[in-house]
Amino acid sequence: MPNNMEGRGLTDREMLQLCLELEKGRCRSISNTLLETSHNGLREIYLNCFENASGNQYRLYEIMSDKGWYKTDIASTAAINQVQEFMQHNLHPDDRM
């Protein structure tokens, strides 16, 4: 339901989109920090923060998807096979020798 009365404010869709983008940014930032943290206690804190942010991100995605505001394409079997092949050849380049 839009809340954009008389041309003021954001619609519900716009607010959810902004929240989703913020959570995606939090996930990227936290994961980068987590990857560079060597202290076990601090890593655990960042891991908990990442799990929280990624859970929030997924819930926002689900809400938007349920409302038809976030559409994703269904991957074909050929596209899945192409990605799998690419990953197999690029994750372990030494195996090709």
N, C-alpha and C. Protein backbone atom coordinates (compact mmCIF):
# COMPACT_ATOMS: atom_id res chain seq x y z
N MET A 1 0.85 -1.19 0.00
CA MET A 1 0.00 0.00 0.00
C MET A 1 0.89 1.24 0.00
N PRO A 2 0.74 2.10 -1.00
CA PRO A 2 1.58 3.30 -1.05
C PRO A 2 1.26 4.28 0.07
N ASN A 3 2.28 4.97 0.51
CA ASN A 3 2.08 6.02 1.50
C ASN A 3 2.50 7.37 0.90
N ASN A 4 2.51 7.44 -0.41
CA ASN A 4 2.97 8.61 -1.12
C ASN A 4 1.82 9.59 -1.34
N MET A 5 1.24 10.09 -0.26
CA MET A 5 0.07 10.96 -0.34
C MET A 5 0.49 12.35 -0.78
N GLU A 6 -0.23 12.85 -1.75
CA GLU A 6 -0.01 14.19 -2.29
C GLU A 6 1.42 14.41 -2.76
N GLY A 7 2.04 13.35 -3.29
CA GLY A 7 3.38 13.47 -3.84
C GLY A 7 4.49 13.59 -2.82
N ARG A 8 4.22 13.30 -1.56
CA ARG A 8 5.25 13.41 -0.51
C ARG A 8 5.61 12.03 -0.01
N GLY A 9 6.86 11.85 0.35
CA GLY A 9 7.30 10.60 0.96
C GLY A 9 7.57 9.51 -0.05
N LEU A 10 7.93 8.37 0.47
CA LEU A 10 8.26 7.21 -0.34
C LEU A 10 7.13 6.20 -0.30
N THR A 11 7.02 5.41 -1.35
CA THR A 11 6.06 4.32 -1.34
C THR A 11 6.63 3.18 -0.48
N ASP A 12 5.78 2.24 -0.11
CA ASP A 12 6.25 1.07 0.64
C ASP A 12 7.32 0.33 -0.15
N ARG A 13 7.10 0.21 -1.46
CA ARG A 13 8.07 -0.48 -2.31
C ARG A 13 9.43 0.23 -2.28
N GLU A 14 9.42 1.54 -2.38
CA GLU A 14 10.68 2.30 -2.35
C GLU A 14 11.39 2.15 -1.00
N MET A 15 10.62 2.17 0.08
CA MET A 15 11.22 2.00 1.40
C MET A 15 11.85 0.62 1.55
N LEU A 16 11.13 -0.41 1.10
CA LEU A 16 11.68 -1.76 1.18
C LEU A 16 12.92 -1.90 0.31
N GLN A 17 12.89 -1.30 -0.87
CA GLN A 17 14.06 -1.37 -1.76
C GLN A 17 15.28 -0.71 -1.10
N LEU A 18 15.06 0.43 -0.47
CA LEU A 18 16.16 1.10 0.22
C LEU A 18 16.69 0.26 1.38
N CYS A 19 15.79 -0.33 2.15
CA CYS A 19 16.20 -1.19 3.26
C CYS A 19 16.97 -2.40 2.75
N LEU A 20 16.51 -2.98 1.65
CA LEU A 20 17.19 -4.13 1.06
C LEU A 20 18.61 -3.75 0.63
N GLU A 21 18.75 -2.62 -0.04
CA GLU A 21 20.08 -2.17 -0.47
C GLU A 21 20.99 -1.89 0.72
N LEU A 22 20.44 -1.32 1.78
CA LEU A 22 21.24 -1.08 2.99
C LEU A 22 21.72 -2.39 3.60
N GLU A 23 20.86 -3.40 3.67
CA GLU A 23 21.25 -4.69 4.24
C GLU A 23 22.28 -5.38 3.35
N LYS A 24 22.15 -5.28 2.04
CA LYS A 24 23.15 -5.84 1.14
C LYS A 24 24.51 -5.18 1.39
N GLY A 25 24.50 -3.86 1.56
CA GLY A 25 25.74 -3.14 1.85
C GLY A 25 26.34 -3.56 3.18
N ARG A 26 25.48 -3.75 4.20
CA ARG A 26 25.97 -4.23 5.49
C ARG A 26 26.62 -5.60 5.33
N CYS A 27 26.00 -6.48 4.58
CA CYS A 27 26.55 -7.82 4.36
C CYS A 27 27.93 -7.74 3.71
N ARG A 28 28.05 -6.91 2.68
CA ARG A 28 29.35 -6.77 2.01
C ARG A 28 30.41 -6.22 2.96
N SER A 29 30.06 -5.19 3.71
CA SER A 29 31.00 -4.56 4.63
C SER A 29 31.43 -5.52 5.74
N ILE A 30 30.46 -6.19 6.32
CA ILE A 30 30.78 -7.12 7.42
C ILE A 30 31.60 -8.29 6.91
N SER A 31 31.25 -8.82 5.73
CA SER A 31 32.00 -9.97 5.22
C SER A 31 33.44 -9.59 4.90
N ASN A 32 33.65 -8.39 4.35
CA ASN A 32 35.02 -7.93 4.10
C ASN A 32 35.81 -7.83 5.40
N THR A 33 35.19 -7.28 6.42
CA THR A 33 35.85 -7.16 7.72
C THR A 33 36.11 -8.53 8.33
N LEU A 34 35.14 -9.41 8.24
CA LEU A 34 35.27 -10.76 8.77
C LEU A 34 36.45 -11.50 8.13
N LEU A 35 36.61 -11.34 6.83
CA LEU A 35 37.69 -12.01 6.12
C LEU A 35 39.08 -11.51 6.53
N GLU A 36 39.14 -10.30 7.07
CA GLU A 36 40.41 -9.70 7.45
C GLU A 36 40.66 -9.76 8.96
N THR A 37 39.78 -10.39 9.71
CA THR A 37 39.90 -10.41 11.17
C THR A 37 40.52 -11.73 11.62
N SER A 38 41.59 -11.64 12.41
CA SER A 38 42.27 -12.86 12.86
C SER A 38 41.95 -13.22 14.32
N HIS A 39 41.44 -12.27 15.10
CA HIS A 39 41.12 -12.54 16.50
C HIS A 39 39.84 -13.36 16.58
N ASN A 40 39.90 -14.53 17.21
CA ASN A 40 38.76 -15.45 17.23
C ASN A 40 37.51 -14.85 17.85
N GLY A 41 37.66 -14.13 18.94
CA GLY A 41 36.50 -13.52 19.58
C GLY A 41 35.84 -12.48 18.69
N LEU A 42 36.66 -11.66 18.05
CA LEU A 42 36.15 -10.64 17.15
C LEU A 42 35.52 -11.26 15.90
N ARG A 43 36.14 -12.33 15.40
CA ARG A 43 35.56 -13.04 14.25
C ARG A 43 34.17 -13.56 14.58
N GLU A 44 33.99 -14.06 15.79
CA GLU A 44 32.68 -14.59 16.20
C GLU A 44 31.63 -13.47 16.24
N ILE A 45 32.04 -12.30 16.73
CA ILE A 45 31.12 -11.15 16.75
C ILE A 45 30.72 -10.76 15.33
N TYR A 46 31.71 -10.65 14.43
CA TYR A 46 31.41 -10.29 13.05
C TYR A 46 30.58 -11.36 12.36
N LEU A 47 30.84 -12.62 12.66
CA LEU A 47 30.05 -13.70 12.08
C LEU A 47 28.59 -13.60 12.51
N ASN A 48 28.36 -13.33 13.78
CA ASN A 48 26.98 -13.13 14.26
C ASN A 48 26.32 -11.93 13.58
N CYS A 49 27.08 -10.85 13.41
CA CYS A 49 26.54 -9.67 12.73
C CYS A 49 26.19 -10.00 11.28
N PHE A 50 27.06 -10.78 10.62
CA PHE A 50 26.81 -11.15 9.23
C PHE A 50 25.56 -12.01 9.12
N GLU A 51 25.42 -12.98 10.02
CA GLU A 51 24.24 -13.85 9.98
C GLU A 51 22.96 -13.03 10.20
N ASN A 52 23.01 -12.06 11.09
CA ASN A 52 21.87 -11.19 11.33
C ASN A 52 21.53 -10.36 10.08
N ALA A 53 22.55 -9.74 9.51
CA ALA A 53 22.33 -8.89 8.33
C ALA A 53 21.85 -9.70 7.14
N SER A 54 22.44 -10.88 6.92
CA SER A 54 22.02 -11.69 5.77
C SER A 54 20.61 -12.24 5.98
N GLY A 55 20.24 -12.53 7.22
CA GLY A 55 18.87 -12.93 7.51
C GLY A 55 17.89 -11.81 7.23
N ASN A 56 18.25 -10.60 7.65
CA ASN A 56 17.40 -9.43 7.37
C ASN A 56 17.25 -9.22 5.86
N GLN A 57 18.36 -9.33 5.16
CA GLN A 57 18.35 -9.13 3.71
C GLN A 57 17.42 -10.14 3.05
N TYR A 58 17.49 -11.39 3.47
CA TYR A 58 16.66 -12.41 2.84
C TYR A 58 15.18 -12.20 3.16
N ARG A 59 14.88 -11.80 4.39
CA ARG A 59 13.49 -11.53 4.74
C ARG A 59 12.92 -10.36 3.92
N LEU A 60 13.72 -9.32 3.74
CA LEU A 60 13.28 -8.20 2.91
C LEU A 60 13.06 -8.65 1.47
N TYR A 61 13.97 -9.45 0.95
CA TYR A 61 13.82 -10.00 -0.39
C TYR A 61 12.51 -10.79 -0.51
N GLU A 62 12.25 -11.67 0.47
CA GLU A 62 11.04 -12.48 0.44
C GLU A 62 9.77 -11.63 0.44
N ILE A 63 9.75 -10.59 1.26
CA ILE A 63 8.59 -9.69 1.30
C ILE A 63 8.38 -9.06 -0.07
N MET A 64 9.46 -8.54 -0.63
CA MET A 64 9.34 -7.88 -1.94
C MET A 64 8.95 -8.88 -3.03
N SER A 65 9.52 -10.07 -2.98
CA SER A 65 9.19 -11.09 -3.96
C SER A 65 7.73 -11.51 -3.86
N ASP A 66 7.25 -11.69 -2.63
CA ASP A 66 5.85 -12.07 -2.43
C ASP A 66 4.89 -11.02 -2.98
N LYS A 67 5.29 -9.76 -2.93
CA LYS A 67 4.44 -8.68 -3.42
C LYS A 67 4.63 -8.45 -4.92
N GLY A 68 5.55 -9.20 -5.53
CA GLY A 68 5.82 -9.02 -6.96
C GLY A 68 6.71 -7.84 -7.26
N TRP A 69 7.42 -7.33 -6.27
CA TRP A 69 8.28 -6.16 -6.42
C TRP A 69 9.73 -6.52 -6.69
N TYR A 70 10.08 -7.79 -6.62
CA TYR A 70 11.45 -8.24 -6.87
C TYR A 70 11.35 -9.53 -7.64
N LYS A 71 11.54 -9.43 -8.93
CA LYS A 71 11.38 -10.60 -9.79
C LYS A 71 12.75 -11.17 -10.15
N THR A 72 12.83 -12.47 -10.11
CA THR A 72 14.06 -13.16 -10.51
C THR A 72 13.70 -14.16 -11.60
N ASP A 73 14.63 -14.37 -12.51
CA ASP A 73 14.43 -15.34 -13.57
C ASP A 73 14.77 -16.74 -13.06
N ILE A 74 14.06 -17.72 -13.57
CA ILE A 74 14.35 -19.11 -13.26
C ILE A 74 15.50 -19.54 -14.16
N ALA A 75 16.56 -20.07 -13.56
CA ALA A 75 17.73 -20.48 -14.33
C ALA A 75 17.42 -21.77 -15.09
N SER A 76 17.83 -21.79 -16.34
CA SER A 76 17.66 -23.00 -17.14
C SER A 76 18.72 -24.03 -16.74
N THR A 77 18.47 -25.27 -17.09
CA THR A 77 19.45 -26.33 -16.81
C THR A 77 20.76 -26.03 -17.52
N ALA A 78 20.68 -25.51 -18.74
CA ALA A 78 21.89 -25.17 -19.50
C ALA A 78 22.70 -24.09 -18.78
N ALA A 79 22.03 -23.08 -18.25
CA ALA A 79 22.72 -21.99 -17.54
C ALA A 79 23.39 -22.52 -16.27
N ILE A 80 22.69 -23.39 -15.55
CA ILE A 80 23.26 -23.99 -14.33
C ILE A 80 24.49 -24.81 -14.67
N ASN A 81 24.38 -25.63 -15.72
CA ASN A 81 25.52 -26.46 -16.14
C ASN A 81 26.70 -25.60 -16.57
N GLN A 82 26.43 -24.49 -17.23
CA GLN A 82 27.50 -23.59 -17.68
C GLN A 82 28.24 -23.00 -16.47
N VAL A 83 27.51 -22.57 -15.46
CA VAL A 83 28.14 -22.01 -14.26
C VAL A 83 28.93 -23.09 -13.52
N GLN A 84 28.37 -24.29 -13.41
CA GLN A 84 29.08 -25.38 -12.75
C GLN A 84 30.39 -25.69 -13.46
N GLU A 85 30.34 -25.75 -14.77
CA GLU A 85 31.56 -26.03 -15.54
C GLU A 85 32.58 -24.92 -15.35
N PHE A 86 32.13 -23.68 -15.40
CA PHE A 86 33.03 -22.55 -15.21
C PHE A 86 33.70 -22.62 -13.83
N MET A 87 32.89 -22.89 -12.80
CA MET A 87 33.43 -22.95 -11.44
C MET A 87 34.42 -24.10 -11.28
N GLN A 88 34.12 -25.25 -11.85
CA GLN A 88 35.01 -26.40 -11.74
C GLN A 88 36.36 -26.11 -12.40
N HIS A 89 36.34 -25.38 -13.50
CA HIS A 89 37.58 -25.09 -14.21
C HIS A 89 38.36 -23.93 -13.60
N ASN A 90 37.70 -23.10 -12.82
CA ASN A 90 38.37 -21.92 -12.29
C ASN A 90 38.67 -21.98 -10.80
N LEU A 91 38.04 -22.88 -10.07
CA LEU A 91 38.34 -22.99 -8.64
C LEU A 91 39.63 -23.74 -8.39
N HIS A 92 39.96 -24.68 -9.23
CA HIS A 92 41.16 -25.49 -9.05
C HIS A 92 41.98 -25.50 -10.34
N PRO A 93 42.60 -24.38 -10.70
CA PRO A 93 43.33 -24.32 -11.97
C PRO A 93 44.51 -25.27 -12.03
N ASP A 94 45.08 -25.65 -10.87
CA ASP A 94 46.22 -26.57 -10.86
C ASP A 94 45.82 -27.98 -11.28
N ASP A 95 44.54 -28.33 -11.15
CA ASP A 95 44.08 -29.67 -11.50
C ASP A 95 44.11 -29.91 -13.00
N ARG A 96 44.24 -28.85 -13.79
CA ARG A 96 44.23 -29.00 -15.26
C ARG A 96 45.58 -29.39 -15.80
N MET A 97 46.61 -29.38 -15.00
CA MET A 97 47.96 -29.70 -15.49
C MET A 97 48.16 -31.17 -15.61
